[in-house]
Amino acid sequence: MATIDNKQMIDKLIANNGCYEGDPQIYQIVEYINAYGNITWGVTWSNEHPAMRRRYEIESQFINDPHVIWKKND
């Protein structure tokens, strides 16, 4: 699991089709508003259990207004 607050990094991951050298294939990227009111991105990987891949899609006190902005084509 990764929480990223750098838009340029997210753009790079999307441009590289969810690949980053040394890391597993990304499954999806979810954009949300964090507890401090900042835009943040949650990244999950394809090698994770399917139930864990959705953790950034569930609203909580830390994740507000989540939406998938990129997902790997199966």
C-alpha atoms as a PDB file:
ATOM      1  CA  MET A   1       0.000   0.000   0.000  1.00  0.00           C
ATOM      2  CA  ALA A   2       1.223   3.477  -0.796  1.00  0.00           C
ATOM      3  CA  THR A   3      -0.112   6.919  -0.080  1.00  0.00           C
ATOM      4  CA  ILE A   4       1.323   9.523  -2.428  1.00  0.00           C
ATOM      5  CA  ASP A   5       0.933  13.294  -2.189  1.00  0.00           C
ATOM      6  CA  ASN A   6       2.965  14.181  -5.287  1.00  0.00           C
ATOM      7  CA  LYS A   7       0.890  14.750  -8.458  1.00  0.00           C
ATOM      8  CA  GLN A   8       3.956  14.501 -10.708  1.00  0.00           C
ATOM      9  CA  MET A   9       4.658  10.992  -9.388  1.00  0.00           C
ATOM     10  CA  ILE A  10       1.057   9.965 -10.032  1.00  0.00           C
ATOM     11  CA  ASP A  11       1.249  11.346 -13.574  1.00  0.00           C
ATOM     12  CA  LYS A  12       4.461   9.366 -14.144  1.00  0.00           C
ATOM     13  CA  LEU A  13       2.880   6.154 -12.860  1.00  0.00           C
ATOM     14  CA  ILE A  14      -0.127   6.619 -15.140  1.00  0.00           C
ATOM     15  CA  ALA A  15       2.079   7.456 -18.145  1.00  0.00           C
ATOM     16  CA  ASN A  16       4.067   4.246 -17.466  1.00  0.00           C
ATOM     17  CA  ASN A  17       0.880   2.160 -17.384  1.00  0.00           C
ATOM     18  CA  GLY A  18       1.172   1.535 -13.651  1.00  0.00           C
ATOM     19  CA  CYS A  19       4.789   0.393 -13.749  1.00  0.00           C
ATOM     20  CA  TYR A  20       7.613   1.728 -11.598  1.00  0.00           C
ATOM     21  CA  GLU A  21      11.019   0.100 -11.622  1.00  0.00           C
ATOM     22  CA  GLY A  22      11.495  -2.214  -8.663  1.00  0.00           C
ATOM     23  CA  ASP A  23       7.824  -2.201  -7.622  1.00  0.00           C
ATOM     24  CA  PRO A  24       5.026  -4.661  -8.460  1.00  0.00           C
ATOM     25  CA  GLN A  25       2.470  -3.769 -11.154  1.00  0.00           C
ATOM     26  CA  ILE A  26      -0.032  -1.204  -9.879  1.00  0.00           C
ATOM     27  CA  TYR A  27      -3.640  -2.368  -9.788  1.00  0.00           C
ATOM     28  CA  GLN A  28      -5.317   1.017  -9.317  1.00  0.00           C
ATOM     29  CA  ILE A  29      -4.869   4.601  -8.185  1.00  0.00           C
ATOM     30  CA  VAL A  30      -7.562   6.279  -6.091  1.00  0.00           C
ATOM     31  CA  GLU A  31      -7.683  10.047  -5.598  1.00  0.00           C
ATOM     32  CA  TYR A  32      -9.209  11.302  -2.348  1.00  0.00           C
ATOM     33  CA  ILE A  33      -9.215  14.148   0.160  1.00  0.00           C
ATOM     34  CA  ASN A  34      -7.211  13.247   3.263  1.00  0.00           C
ATOM     35  CA  ALA A  35      -8.002  14.178   6.880  1.00  0.00           C
ATOM     36  CA  TYR A  36      -6.116  17.479   6.469  1.00  0.00           C
ATOM     37  CA  GLY A  37      -8.137  18.519   3.414  1.00  0.00           C
ATOM     38  CA  ASN A  38      -5.393  17.797   0.872  1.00  0.00           C
ATOM     39  CA  ILE A  39      -5.695  15.811  -2.357  1.00  0.00           C
ATOM     40  CA  THR A  40      -3.903  12.491  -1.927  1.00  0.00           C
ATOM     41  CA  TRP A  41      -3.599   9.312  -3.976  1.00  0.00           C
ATOM     42  CA  GLY A  42      -3.775   5.748  -2.760  1.00  0.00           C
ATOM     43  CA  VAL A  43      -1.980   3.098  -4.802  1.00  0.00           C
ATOM     44  CA  THR A  44      -2.652  -0.638  -4.610  1.00  0.00           C
ATOM     45  CA  TRP A  45      -0.827  -3.446  -6.382  1.00  0.00           C
ATOM     46  CA  SER A  46      -1.971  -6.370  -8.508  1.00  0.00           C
ATOM     47  CA  ASN A  47      -0.253  -8.913  -6.253  1.00  0.00           C
ATOM     48  CA  GLU A  48      -2.393  -7.940  -3.238  1.00  0.00           C
ATOM     49  CA  HIS A  49      -5.443  -9.896  -2.103  1.00  0.00           C
ATOM     50  CA  PRO A  50      -8.495  -8.601  -4.036  1.00  0.00           C
ATOM     51  CA  ALA A  51     -10.237  -7.453  -0.838  1.00  0.00           C
ATOM     52  CA  MET A  52      -7.244  -5.275   0.083  1.00  0.00           C
ATOM     53  CA  ARG A  53      -7.166  -3.535  -3.309  1.00  0.00           C
ATOM     54  CA  ARG A  54     -10.342  -1.587  -2.473  1.00  0.00           C
ATOM     55  CA  ARG A  55      -9.212  -0.075   0.826  1.00  0.00           C
ATOM     56  CA  TYR A  56      -8.823   3.449  -0.611  1.00  0.00           C
ATOM     57  CA  GLU A  57     -12.334   3.343  -2.079  1.00  0.00           C
ATOM     58  CA  ILE A  58     -14.011   3.226   1.348  1.00  0.00           C
ATOM     59  CA  GLU A  59     -14.784   6.569   3.004  1.00  0.00           C
ATOM     60  CA  SER A  60     -13.494   7.069   6.527  1.00  0.00           C
ATOM     61  CA  GLN A  61     -12.198   9.881   8.718  1.00  0.00           C
ATOM     62  CA  PHE A  62      -8.976   9.674   6.675  1.00  0.00           C
ATOM     63  CA  ILE A  63     -10.438   9.146   3.175  1.00  0.00           C
ATOM     64  CA  ASN A  64     -13.060  11.534   1.818  1.00  0.00           C
ATOM     65  CA  ASP A  65     -14.611  11.625  -1.667  1.00  0.00           C
ATOM     66  CA  PRO A  66     -12.569   8.717  -3.081  1.00  0.00           C
ATOM     67  CA  HIS A  67     -12.655   7.945  -6.807  1.00  0.00           C
ATOM     68  CA  VAL A  68     -10.582   5.693  -9.029  1.00  0.00           C
ATOM     69  CA  ILE A  69      -8.542   7.731 -11.525  1.00  0.00           C
ATOM     70  CA  TRP A  70      -6.599   4.841 -13.071  1.00  0.00           C
ATOM     71  CA  LYS A  71      -7.041   1.079 -13.126  1.00  0.00           C
ATOM     72  CA  LYS A  72      -5.004  -1.638 -14.827  1.00  0.00           C
ATOM     73  CA  ASN A  73      -6.784  -3.339 -17.705  1.00  0.00           C
ATOM     74  CA  ASP A  74      -7.132  -7.034 -16.976  1.00  0.00           C
END
